[in-house]
Protein backbone atom coordinates (compact mmCIF):
# COMPACT_ATOMS: atom_id res chain seq x y z
CA MET A 1 -29.01 21.38 51.72
CA HIS A 2 -28.14 18.42 49.74
CA THR A 3 -26.75 15.61 51.57
CA ILE A 4 -23.23 14.70 49.89
CA HIS A 5 -22.69 10.66 49.73
CA PRO A 6 -19.53 8.48 48.02
CA LEU A 7 -22.46 7.80 44.80
CA ASN A 8 -21.25 11.52 43.57
CA ASP A 9 -17.79 10.72 43.02
CA PHE A 10 -18.46 6.68 41.62
CA LEU A 11 -21.33 6.94 39.19
CA PHE A 12 -20.05 4.06 37.09
CA GLU A 13 -19.74 1.63 40.29
CA PRO A 14 -21.59 3.61 42.51
CA PHE A 15 -21.56 1.07 45.64
CA PRO A 16 -17.47 0.60 46.71
CA LYS A 17 -18.50 -0.13 50.26
CA ALA A 18 -20.85 -3.28 49.00
CA LYS A 19 -17.86 -4.39 46.96
CA GLU A 20 -15.46 -3.98 50.27
CA ALA A 21 -18.30 -6.39 51.88
CA GLY A 22 -17.92 -9.40 49.27
CA ASN A 23 -20.60 -7.79 47.09
CA ASN A 24 -23.72 -9.12 49.27
CA ILE A 25 -26.65 -8.32 47.97
CA ASP A 26 -28.32 -7.41 51.03
CA LEU A 27 -26.05 -4.57 52.29
CA LEU A 28 -26.23 -3.59 48.27
CA LYS A 29 -29.71 -2.94 48.50
CA GLN A 30 -29.61 -1.07 51.85
CA GLU A 31 -27.39 1.23 50.43
CA ILE A 32 -29.02 1.80 47.50
CA GLU A 33 -32.09 2.57 49.68
CA THR A 34 -30.11 4.71 52.15
CA VAL A 35 -29.05 6.61 49.27
CA MET A 36 -32.22 7.34 47.44
CA LYS A 37 -33.40 8.71 50.78
CA ASP A 38 -30.93 11.23 50.94
CA ASP A 39 -31.67 12.42 47.34
CA GLU A 40 -35.34 12.50 47.66
CA CYS A 41 -35.34 13.88 50.64
CA ALA A 42 -32.53 16.76 49.09
CA VAL A 43 -34.92 17.34 46.10
CA GLN A 44 -38.04 17.80 48.44
CA HIS A 45 -36.25 20.72 50.08
CA LYS A 46 -34.92 22.19 47.15
CA PRO A 47 -37.01 20.52 43.90
CA ASP A 48 -34.76 22.47 41.01
CA ASP A 49 -31.62 20.03 42.43
CA TYR A 50 -31.11 18.13 39.32
CA VAL A 51 -27.81 16.71 40.48
CA SER A 52 -29.89 14.66 42.98
CA LEU A 53 -32.24 14.05 40.69
CA THR A 54 -29.82 12.56 38.41
CA GLN A 55 -28.23 10.47 41.16
CA ILE A 56 -31.48 9.21 41.97
CA ALA A 57 -32.04 8.05 37.84
CA ILE A 58 -28.66 6.20 38.28
CA ASN A 59 -29.94 4.18 41.38
CA LEU A 60 -33.11 3.36 39.65
CA ILE A 61 -31.17 2.31 36.70
CA GLN A 62 -29.05 0.01 38.74
CA LYS A 63 -32.37 -1.20 40.42
CA GLY A 64 -34.18 -1.77 37.23
CA SER A 65 -36.51 0.68 37.33
CA LEU A 66 -36.31 1.69 33.72
CA ASP A 67 -39.22 4.19 33.04
CA ALA A 68 -39.19 5.98 36.28
CA ALA A 69 -35.31 6.35 35.93
CA ARG A 70 -36.22 8.24 32.61
CA GLN A 71 -38.62 10.66 34.16
CA TYR A 72 -36.02 11.73 36.92
CA LEU A 73 -33.94 12.59 34.03
CA ASP A 74 -36.26 14.19 31.26
CA SER A 75 -37.12 16.80 34.92
CA ALA A 76 -32.72 16.91 35.86
CA PHE A 77 -32.14 17.91 31.66
CA ALA A 78 -35.09 20.53 31.87
CA LEU A 79 -33.51 22.22 34.79
CA ASN A 80 -29.73 22.01 33.54
CA PRO A 81 -29.27 20.41 29.74
CA ALA A 82 -25.21 21.65 30.66
CA TYR A 83 -25.07 19.04 33.41
CA PRO A 84 -22.58 16.33 31.85
CA ASN A 85 -23.56 13.65 34.54
CA ILE A 86 -27.11 13.63 32.65
CA TYR A 87 -25.59 12.85 29.54
CA TYR A 88 -23.67 10.14 31.28
CA ALA A 89 -26.83 9.04 33.04
CA PHE A 90 -29.02 8.65 29.54
CA ALA A 91 -26.28 6.23 28.53
CA LEU A 92 -26.91 3.83 31.31
CA LEU A 93 -30.41 4.19 30.28
CA ALA A 94 -29.95 3.42 27.01
CA ASP A 95 -27.56 0.57 27.67
CA ALA A 96 -29.58 -0.98 30.06
CA GLU A 97 -32.13 -0.88 27.53
CA HIS A 98 -30.32 -2.32 25.04
CA HIS A 99 -30.39 0.77 22.77
CA SER A 100 -26.54 0.63 21.94
CA ARG A 101 -26.60 3.73 19.20
CA GLU A 102 -28.72 6.16 21.81
CA ALA A 103 -25.96 5.18 24.17
CA PHE A 104 -22.96 5.66 21.87
CA GLU A 105 -24.66 8.53 21.36
CA MET A 106 -24.87 9.90 24.99
CA SER A 107 -21.68 8.93 25.89
CA VAL A 108 -20.10 10.76 23.54
CA VAL A 109 -22.56 14.01 24.31
CA ALA A 110 -20.81 13.17 28.02
CA LEU A 111 -17.31 13.64 26.74
CA PHE A 112 -18.02 17.25 25.09
CA LYS A 113 -19.91 18.46 28.17
CA ASN A 114 -17.05 17.33 30.68
CA PRO A 115 -13.61 18.93 29.34
CA LYS A 116 -11.56 17.94 32.77
CA LYS A 117 -10.37 14.02 32.63
CA ASP A 118 -11.91 12.84 35.61
CA LEU A 119 -13.64 9.73 36.44
CA LEU A 120 -16.66 10.97 34.40
CA TYR A 121 -14.60 11.42 31.68
CA GLN A 122 -13.00 7.68 32.04
CA GLN A 123 -16.30 6.04 32.62
CA SER A 124 -18.20 7.99 29.36
CA LEU A 125 -15.42 6.84 27.35
CA ARG A 126 -15.74 3.20 28.64
CA SER A 127 -19.18 3.19 27.63
CA ALA A 128 -18.92 4.81 24.37
CA MET A 129 -16.11 2.35 23.78
CA LYS A 130 -18.70 -0.55 25.25
CA ALA A 131 -21.76 0.62 22.71
CA ALA A 132 -19.23 1.00 19.65
CA SER A 133 -18.54 -2.51 20.22
CA GLU A 134 -22.06 -3.87 20.89
CA ILE A 135 -23.23 -1.88 17.50
CA ILE A 136 -20.52 -3.72 15.38
CA ASP A 137 -21.27 -7.00 16.54
CA GLU A 138 -25.37 -6.50 16.26
CA GLU A 139 -24.82 -4.67 12.72
CA ILE A 140 -23.85 -5.19 9.10
CA GLY A 141 -21.07 -2.72 8.67
CA GLY A 142 -21.46 -4.10 4.47
CA ASP A 143 -24.54 -2.45 4.22
CA ILE A 144 -22.90 1.47 4.57
CA VAL A 145 -20.16 0.13 2.16
CA ASN A 146 -22.22 -1.40 -0.51
CA ALA A 147 -24.05 1.92 -0.66
CA TYR A 148 -21.27 3.76 -0.70
CA ALA A 149 -19.44 1.41 -3.37
CA SER A 150 -22.63 2.17 -5.26
CA MET A 151 -23.01 5.84 -5.58
CA LEU A 152 -18.71 5.61 -5.89
CA GLU A 153 -19.61 3.31 -9.14
CA GLU A 154 -21.72 5.62 -10.53
CA GLU A 155 -19.42 8.75 -10.20
CA CYS A 156 -16.47 7.01 -11.55
CA GLY A 157 -18.03 5.07 -14.29
CA LYS A 158 -16.34 1.90 -13.23
CA LYS A 159 -17.11 -1.17 -11.31
CA ILE A 160 -15.73 -1.41 -7.97
CA VAL A 161 -14.62 -5.38 -7.07
CA ILE A 162 -14.51 -5.49 -3.06
CA GLU A 163 -13.10 -8.71 -1.82
CA ALA A 164 -11.63 -10.60 1.46
CA ASP A 165 -8.14 -11.28 2.21
CA ALA A 166 -7.19 -13.16 5.32
CA GLY A 167 -3.22 -12.81 4.29
CA LEU A 168 -3.28 -9.02 3.88
CA LYS A 169 -0.93 -7.20 6.33
CA THR A 170 -3.13 -3.86 6.01
CA ALA A 171 -6.77 -3.90 7.24
CA ALA A 172 -7.65 -2.62 3.67
CA LYS A 173 -6.11 -0.99 0.40
CA ILE A 174 -7.27 -0.27 -2.76
CA GLU A 175 -6.25 -0.77 -6.18
CA PHE A 176 -6.88 2.16 -8.92
CA ALA A 177 -7.90 0.46 -12.02
CA GLU A 178 -5.83 3.53 -14.01
CA ASN A 179 -2.39 2.43 -11.84
CA HIS A 180 -2.85 -1.46 -12.81
CA ASP A 181 -4.53 -1.65 -16.42
CA ARG A 182 -8.06 -2.99 -15.14
CA SER A 183 -11.55 -1.77 -16.28
CA TYR A 184 -12.70 -2.35 -12.20
CA HIS A 185 -10.89 -0.98 -8.77
CA LEU A 186 -9.99 -3.85 -6.88
CA LEU A 187 -10.56 -2.74 -3.16
CA LYS A 188 -9.08 -5.60 -0.74
CA TYR A 189 -9.50 -6.21 3.11
CA ASN A 190 -8.40 -8.46 6.15
CA PRO A 191 -11.61 -9.62 7.69
CA ASP A 192 -9.90 -10.13 10.92
CA TYR A 193 -9.71 -6.59 11.99
CA PRO A 194 -12.87 -5.82 14.27
CA THR A 195 -13.30 -2.20 12.36
CA VAL A 196 -12.20 -3.08 8.74
CA HIS A 197 -15.73 -1.66 7.77
CA HIS A 198 -14.38 1.79 8.79
CA LEU A 199 -11.14 1.28 7.04
CA ILE A 200 -13.12 0.05 3.52
CA MET A 201 -14.75 3.18 3.74
CA HIS A 202 -11.96 5.51 3.90
CA GLU A 203 -10.09 3.81 1.03
CA LEU A 204 -13.49 4.02 -0.96
CA ALA A 205 -12.78 7.95 -0.10
CA HIS A 206 -9.83 8.33 -1.21
CA LEU A 207 -10.91 6.76 -4.22
CA HIS A 208 -13.91 9.19 -4.12
CA PHE A 209 -11.52 12.22 -3.84
CA ALA A 210 -9.15 11.31 -6.58
CA THR A 211 -12.02 10.85 -8.93
CA GLN A 212 -13.23 14.24 -8.17
CA ALA A 213 -9.95 15.76 -8.56
CA ARG A 214 -9.08 13.97 -11.91
CA GLN A 215 -12.52 15.20 -13.19
CA GLU A 216 -10.94 19.11 -12.57
CA GLY A 217 -7.78 18.16 -13.88
CA LYS A 218 -5.97 18.15 -10.47
CA ASN A 219 -5.27 14.61 -9.38
CA LYS A 220 -1.74 13.62 -8.16
CA ARG A 221 0.27 10.92 -7.74
CA PHE A 222 1.82 10.04 -4.77
CA VAL A 223 4.98 7.92 -5.89
CA SER A 224 7.80 7.17 -3.38
CA TYR A 225 10.92 5.42 -5.18
CA ASN A 226 13.94 3.53 -4.41
CA GLU A 227 15.78 6.74 -4.63
CA ASN A 228 13.70 8.33 -2.14
CA LYS A 229 14.24 5.36 0.51
CA LYS A 230 17.95 5.76 0.01
CA ARG A 231 18.52 9.46 0.46
CA PHE A 232 16.33 8.79 3.86
CA LEU A 233 18.46 6.18 5.30
CA ALA A 234 21.55 7.85 4.49
CA SER A 235 20.40 10.50 6.53
CA LEU A 236 20.29 8.21 9.14
CA ASP A 237 23.61 6.49 8.79
CA GLU A 238 24.82 7.94 12.07
CA ASP A 239 22.00 6.97 14.15
CA ALA A 240 22.69 3.57 12.15
CA ARG A 241 26.16 3.67 13.38
CA LYS A 242 25.32 3.98 17.34
CA LEU A 243 22.76 1.21 17.33
CA SER A 244 25.44 -0.94 15.70
CA LYS A 245 28.31 0.24 18.38
CA ASN A 246 25.58 -1.20 20.94
CA GLY A 247 25.49 -4.29 18.96
CA TYR A 248 22.42 -4.28 17.01
CA ASP A 249 22.82 -6.15 13.74
CA ASP A 250 23.39 -4.19 10.63
CA ALA A 251 20.60 -5.94 8.88
CA LEU A 252 17.67 -5.62 11.54
CA ILE A 253 18.47 -2.04 11.80
CA LYS A 254 18.32 -1.47 7.78
CA GLU A 255 14.89 -3.42 8.14
CA TYR A 256 13.65 -1.25 10.87
CA TYR A 257 15.03 2.09 9.33
CA THR A 258 13.02 0.56 6.15
CA MET A 259 9.78 0.61 8.14
CA LEU A 260 10.31 3.60 9.33
CA PHE A 261 10.51 5.00 6.22
CA GLN A 262 7.41 3.20 4.74
CA ARG A 263 5.51 4.83 8.30
CA LEU A 264 6.44 8.36 7.36
CA ASN A 265 5.28 8.11 4.06
CA GLN A 266 2.12 7.30 5.26
CA GLN A 267 1.57 9.99 7.89
CA ILE A 268 2.47 12.27 4.95
CA ASN A 269 -0.64 11.50 3.52
CA THR A 270 -2.10 13.09 6.87
CA PRO A 271 -3.73 16.29 5.32
CA ILE A 272 -5.73 13.87 2.67
CA ASP A 273 -7.02 11.51 5.75
CA LEU A 274 -8.19 13.95 7.46
CA TYR A 275 -10.54 15.62 4.68
CA ILE A 276 -11.72 11.60 4.52
CA GLU A 277 -12.50 11.64 7.72
CA ASP A 278 -14.45 14.56 7.74
CA TYR A 279 -16.51 13.67 4.64
CA LEU A 280 -17.42 10.56 6.30
CA PHE A 281 -17.88 11.84 9.89
CA GLN A 282 -20.52 14.12 8.08
CA ASN A 283 -21.93 12.39 5.65
CA TYR A 284 -22.25 8.73 7.12
CA PRO A 285 -23.63 8.97 10.77
CA ALA A 286 -24.38 5.38 10.66
CA LEU A 287 -20.15 4.45 10.39
CA MET A 288 -19.61 7.10 13.40
CA PRO A 289 -19.08 4.06 16.33
CA TYR A 290 -16.88 1.98 13.68
CA GLN A 291 -14.94 5.49 13.04
CA PHE A 292 -14.98 5.93 16.70
CA LEU A 293 -13.14 2.85 17.43
CA SER A 294 -10.72 2.69 14.76
CA LEU A 295 -9.44 6.09 14.79
CA LEU A 296 -9.23 5.17 18.68
CA GLY A 297 -6.88 2.56 18.06
CA LEU A 298 -4.82 3.74 15.27
CA ILE A 299 -4.23 6.97 17.66
CA GLN A 300 -3.31 4.40 20.89
CA GLU A 301 -0.76 2.86 18.25
CA GLY A 302 0.52 6.15 17.43
CA ILE A 303 1.09 6.86 21.37
CA HIS A 304 2.77 3.91 21.75
CA ALA A 305 5.19 4.04 18.63
CA THR A 306 6.61 7.54 19.68
CA THR A 307 6.62 6.86 23.78
CA ASP A 308 7.42 3.39 24.59
CA GLU A 309 10.87 3.33 26.45
CA GLN A 310 12.27 0.42 24.09
CA ILE A 311 11.22 2.41 20.83
CA LEU A 312 12.52 6.04 22.26
CA THR A 313 16.16 3.88 22.54
CA ILE A 314 16.17 2.35 19.08
CA ALA A 315 14.35 5.42 17.29
CA PRO A 316 15.92 8.17 15.08
CA PRO A 317 14.97 11.36 17.52
CA ALA A 318 14.35 13.78 15.00
CA ILE A 319 12.05 11.15 12.79
CA LEU A 320 10.17 10.39 16.02
CA SER A 321 9.33 13.74 16.52
CA LYS A 322 8.08 14.37 13.35
CA SER A 323 6.35 11.12 13.64
CA LYS A 324 4.37 12.42 16.55
CA SER A 325 3.74 15.55 15.17
CA PHE A 326 1.43 13.74 12.40
CA ASN A 327 -0.12 11.76 15.25
CA LEU A 328 -0.78 14.94 17.46
CA VAL A 329 -2.57 16.45 14.39
CA ASN A 330 -4.78 13.01 14.35
CA ALA A 331 -5.48 13.41 18.11
CA LEU A 332 -6.57 17.26 17.83
CA HIS A 333 -8.88 16.04 14.84
CA PHE A 334 -9.96 12.80 16.93
CA LYS A 335 -10.92 15.50 20.51
CA LYS A 336 -12.81 17.75 17.92
CA ARG A 337 -14.74 15.24 16.64
CA TYR A 338 -15.44 12.67 19.50
CA GLY A 339 -14.55 14.68 22.89
CA VAL A 340 -11.52 12.28 23.95
CA ASN A 341 -8.26 13.94 24.70
CA LEU A 342 -5.21 11.75 24.02
CA ILE A 343 -3.23 14.71 23.73
CA GLU A 344 -0.78 14.62 26.62
CA GLU A 345 -0.56 10.83 26.56
CA HIS A 346 1.83 11.56 23.14
CA GLN A 347 3.99 13.13 25.89
CA PRO A 348 4.87 15.93 23.41
CA THR A 349 7.61 18.98 23.55
CA SER A 350 6.07 22.39 23.17
CA SER A 351 7.55 22.67 19.70
CA GLU A 352 5.70 19.32 18.81
CA ARG A 353 2.53 20.57 20.00
CA GLU A 354 2.70 24.14 19.08
CA GLN A 355 3.45 22.51 15.24
CA ALA A 356 0.74 20.52 15.53
CA GLU A 357 -1.90 22.98 16.63
CA THR A 358 -0.70 25.15 13.68
CA PHE A 359 -0.69 22.13 11.37
CA TYR A 360 -4.53 21.62 12.45
CA ARG A 361 -5.53 25.53 12.15
CA GLU A 362 -4.34 25.24 9.04
CA TYR A 363 -6.63 22.46 8.07
CA GLU A 364 -9.51 23.86 8.88
CA GLU A 365 -9.03 26.93 7.44
CA CYS A 366 -8.39 24.84 4.33
CA ARG A 367 -11.48 22.77 4.97
CA THR A 368 -14.10 25.51 4.63
CA ARG A 369 -12.70 26.98 1.12
CA HIS A 370 -12.00 23.18 0.32
CA THR A 371 -12.25 22.55 -3.39
CA PRO A 372 -10.96 18.82 -5.10
CA GLY A 373 -7.34 18.60 -4.96
CA ASP A 374 -6.60 21.30 -2.40
CA GLU A 375 -5.85 18.63 0.01
CA TYR A 376 -2.33 17.65 -2.22
CA GLU A 377 -1.03 21.49 -2.10
CA LEU A 378 -1.55 21.03 2.13
CA LEU A 379 -0.01 18.01 2.19
CA GLN A 380 3.34 19.26 -0.06
CA ARG A 381 3.19 22.28 2.39
CA TRP A 382 3.51 20.07 5.28
CA ALA A 383 5.90 17.85 4.23
CA ASN A 384 8.26 21.34 3.33
CA GLN A 385 7.47 22.45 6.74
CA LEU A 386 9.13 19.13 8.68
CA TYR A 387 11.97 18.61 5.58
CA LEU A 388 10.23 15.84 4.16
CA GLN A 389 10.00 16.87 0.76
CA ASN A 390 12.51 14.48 -0.74
CA ALA A 391 10.77 11.26 1.06
CA PHE A 392 8.28 10.80 -2.01
CA SER A 393 7.25 12.95 -5.14
CA LEU A 394 3.48 14.42 -5.67
CA VAL A 395 3.28 13.75 -9.66
CA GLU A 396 0.32 15.29 -11.49
CA GLU A 397 -1.46 12.59 -13.15
CA PRO A 398 -1.66 14.24 -16.72
CA ASP A 399 2.15 15.05 -16.46
CA TYR A 400 2.82 11.25 -15.53
CA ARG A 401 0.28 9.93 -18.50
CA GLU A 402 1.81 12.46 -20.84
CA GLN A 403 5.65 11.57 -19.98
CA SER A 404 5.03 7.82 -20.05
CA ASP A 405 2.86 7.84 -23.61
CA LEU A 406 6.08 10.33 -24.98
CA ILE A 407 8.29 7.31 -23.87
CA GLU A 408 5.99 4.46 -25.39
CA CYS A 409 5.69 6.70 -28.76
CA LEU A 410 9.46 7.08 -28.68
CA SER A 411 9.98 3.66 -28.46
CA ALA A 412 8.00 2.69 -31.27
CA GLU A 413 9.25 5.27 -33.33
CA VAL A 414 12.87 3.86 -33.07
CA ARG A 415 11.64 0.16 -33.56
CA VAL A 416 9.60 1.08 -37.03
CA ASP A 417 10.46 -1.03 -39.88
CA LEU A 418 12.85 -0.29 -42.29
CA PRO A 419 12.18 0.82 -46.22
CA GLY A 420 12.22 -1.60 -48.50
CA LYS A 421 10.85 -4.23 -46.64
CA GLY A 422 7.85 -4.31 -49.48
CA ASP A 423 4.82 -4.14 -47.41
CA ALA A 424 1.91 -1.69 -48.88
CA LEU A 425 1.24 -0.13 -45.54
CA SER A 426 4.92 1.37 -45.55
CA GLU A 427 3.95 3.00 -49.10
CA ALA A 428 0.46 4.46 -48.04
CA ALA A 429 2.37 6.15 -44.82
CA ASN A 430 2.37 9.77 -44.05
CA PRO A 431 5.42 11.73 -45.36
CA ALA A 432 6.52 12.88 -41.96
CA ASP A 433 6.30 8.85 -40.82
CA LYS A 434 8.11 7.95 -43.99
CA LYS A 435 11.02 10.45 -43.57
CA MET A 436 11.21 9.65 -39.48
CA GLN A 437 11.52 5.33 -40.60
CA LEU A 438 14.53 7.14 -42.69
CA PHE A 439 15.80 8.60 -40.60
CA THR A 440 15.74 6.42 -37.90
CA GLY A 441 16.83 3.33 -40.72
CA ALA A 442 20.12 5.78 -41.07
CA HIS A 443 21.35 5.83 -37.89
CA GLN A 444 21.39 2.74 -37.21
CA GLY A 445 24.55 0.63 -36.77
CA LYS A 446 26.07 3.60 -35.08
CA ASP A 447 26.36 2.70 -31.70
CA ILE A 448 24.08 5.16 -30.86
CA ASN A 449 21.86 4.30 -27.05
CA MET A 450 18.22 4.90 -28.03
CA ALA A 451 17.56 5.00 -24.50
CA VAL A 452 19.59 7.94 -23.93
CA THR A 453 18.02 9.44 -27.14
CA ARG A 454 14.73 9.22 -26.19
CA PHE A 455 15.16 10.43 -22.62
CA MET A 456 17.11 13.25 -24.54
CA VAL A 457 14.16 14.11 -26.54
CA GLU A 458 11.58 14.22 -23.67
CA ALA A 459 13.96 16.84 -21.77
CA LEU A 460 13.98 18.85 -24.77
CA HIS A 461 10.53 19.36 -25.21
CA TYR A 462 10.67 19.76 -21.06
CA PHE A 463 13.34 22.44 -21.55
CA LYS A 464 11.17 24.04 -24.46
CA LYS A 465 9.12 25.71 -21.75
CA LEU A 466 11.36 27.17 -19.38
CA SER A 467 13.66 30.14 -18.98
CA ASP A 468 17.49 30.43 -19.49
CA SER A 469 17.69 30.48 -15.86
CA GLU A 470 15.82 28.03 -15.04
CA ILE A 471 17.09 25.37 -16.87
CA ASN A 472 20.57 27.06 -16.13
CA ALA A 473 19.74 26.34 -11.88
CA ILE A 474 18.60 22.69 -13.14
CA ALA A 475 22.23 22.09 -15.00
CA ILE A 476 23.30 23.09 -11.73
CA GLN A 477 21.42 21.13 -9.32
CA THR A 478 21.74 18.07 -11.15
CA GLY A 479 25.73 18.69 -11.93
CA LEU A 480 25.75 18.96 -7.51
CA LEU A 481 23.27 15.97 -7.15
CA TYR A 482 24.94 13.41 -9.77
CA GLY A 483 27.84 15.04 -11.09
CA LYS A 484 30.26 12.07 -8.94
CA GLY A 485 28.30 9.21 -10.74
CA ILE A 486 24.89 7.55 -11.74
CA THR A 487 23.53 4.00 -11.68
CA PRO A 488 22.34 3.80 -15.67
CA ASP A 489 19.79 0.53 -14.54
CA ALA A 490 18.84 2.40 -11.01
CA GLU A 491 15.58 3.92 -10.64
CA GLY A 492 13.84 6.44 -8.41
CA TYR A 493 16.62 9.41 -8.69
CA THR A 494 15.17 12.73 -8.51
CA ILE A 495 15.83 16.75 -9.37
CA PRO A 496 14.19 19.14 -6.96
CA LEU A 497 13.88 21.50 -9.32
CA ILE A 498 11.68 19.42 -11.58
CA ALA A 499 8.74 18.74 -9.32
CA ALA A 500 6.82 15.79 -9.38
CA LYS A 501 9.08 13.99 -11.20
CA THR A 502 11.13 10.74 -10.56
CA PHE A 503 13.66 9.36 -13.49
CA THR A 504 15.82 5.95 -13.76
CA GLY A 505 19.32 6.51 -14.24
CA TYR A 506 19.26 7.04 -17.83
CA GLN A 507 16.63 9.30 -17.69
CA VAL A 508 18.86 11.74 -15.23
CA LEU A 509 21.67 11.28 -17.62
CA ALA A 510 19.93 12.51 -20.53
CA TYR A 511 18.79 15.58 -18.59
CA TYR A 512 22.01 15.81 -17.17
CA TYR A 513 23.35 16.37 -20.09
CA VAL A 514 20.69 18.30 -21.88
CA SER A 515 20.29 20.58 -19.38
CA GLN A 516 24.51 20.95 -19.18
CA ALA A 517 24.27 21.30 -22.91
CA LYS A 518 21.76 24.36 -23.45
CA ALA A 519 23.47 26.23 -20.46
CA PHE A 520 26.95 25.78 -20.18
CA PRO A 521 27.81 24.13 -23.55
CA GLU A 522 31.27 25.29 -23.07
CA TYR A 523 32.22 22.65 -20.43
CA LEU A 524 30.28 19.89 -22.43
CA LEU A 525 33.69 18.14 -22.74
CA GLN A 526 34.58 18.13 -19.31
CA LEU A 527 31.30 15.86 -18.50
CA GLN A 528 32.89 13.05 -20.20
CA LEU A 529 29.55 11.44 -21.03
CA PRO A 530 29.68 9.46 -24.31
CA PHE A 531 26.42 11.08 -25.50
CA ASP A 532 27.21 13.29 -28.34
CA LYS A 533 25.79 11.08 -31.06
CA GLU A 534 22.91 10.07 -29.15
CA TYR A 535 22.41 14.22 -28.30
CA GLU A 536 22.44 15.33 -32.39
CA PHE A 537 20.18 12.17 -33.35
CA ALA A 538 17.74 14.14 -30.34
CA LEU A 539 17.71 17.38 -32.09
CA GLU A 540 17.45 16.30 -35.22
CA MET A 541 14.30 14.32 -33.75
CA VAL A 542 13.49 17.07 -32.27
CA GLY A 543 13.47 19.77 -35.23
CA MET A 544 11.79 17.62 -37.78
CA GLY A 545 8.90 17.03 -35.40
CA GLY A 546 9.98 13.96 -33.81
CA GLY A 547 8.62 12.68 -30.46
């Protein structure tokens, strides 16, 4: 019969009695010898006792007899490769031999082999963290980054500049060349973050995914404007009043809620982040220790942010619940990739857990048939299910560029010189251009708001693509949203039925007027918007091919 002894339950710290005796070395040696004799006796009576073989190996590791320990472990492994203690013992052996990568890999396998969150699980987790930290200290993560960046430069056709910025508030961020009028992509990172190489790779992967989606004509821009934030803050008025009554400063409340808005927008990108982390996991195995510690830290931050008692007293419950659902999705993904189960630490309700599990199943189904740009559809779907669609807009990149180009084109047209200036260039202009110049000049001095006119031309072009019923719906929705007033100089207005667009004040006024003029012309005067001349001008411009 196998003799049961304390070491079976205390693998990482296998000599509790010796520790109680003040770590007396002689007593420690006696404990080891006694335990080994017990296990050797058990093996003699039962040669296929893989438990005793594993325990002997662990004791030999403690004694420094590493070659002998490996022989015992190999024998135990041959008998039962599913036994989780064997992998933990292999991790201990690799650590003793200063093979940090093998120690990390074996610790992760031990986590997967042992779903129970017992002492072995906890010690395997600590072993994985220790090995990963040693790898980061020993290796140059920049080599992985440089290799990926070089590959991306070839794919996207632009240089990638990577620079340290100790003042950066986040670990890393990337600025796409197309969005900043640069000939290169700029990636900044804070060198003080211990796992920053993983986060640099994550930002590079954002560029990679965007480049692939752009090549397919499916890239989108995630935008969140001031109007989105205003609506978010307005939805929390009741919560803010409660905090104010409890003595919290109103300015601090607004600052805190603004931080929640920013954090929530980051979390809305969870589907994209899942795709990115899977891509890095599959294609850059050397990055795994960095990824492991980085994601573990992020998930632990999420646990604190949604369970800390002080936070619970001030955070709006509805927002906290949505945030926790996203955190749980990331925790499920981490468990699937590294065997670490942090679900219960989030203290989820049954509905939060169910929501996260539904999201993650949907992600895994989509992942098997993913094509560039699909991640945006999943992002929008999850946001809709959590009623977060008004916190942001997804703008299709071609539409975003087209809108910007159209406004720039119209602005140029209304600024052309009047005829009669006497330069040869105007004489050589084509008839359409000359007609536009004459037409624009004829309207100078007639108190026309050219900004509104330009946006009306844009709206007229947009509504050409829609049916009467669609225009009617937009007119009604815009009236309900903004019929009580619009600030012309403000930004960030949205019209939900015109998806993936945000508007300035003048722009939404123009869309409002044009939609009403087309849908309900008989009620146009009731709007009391002084843009009759602008609308007539816009109709003439569209009729003659302007814009």
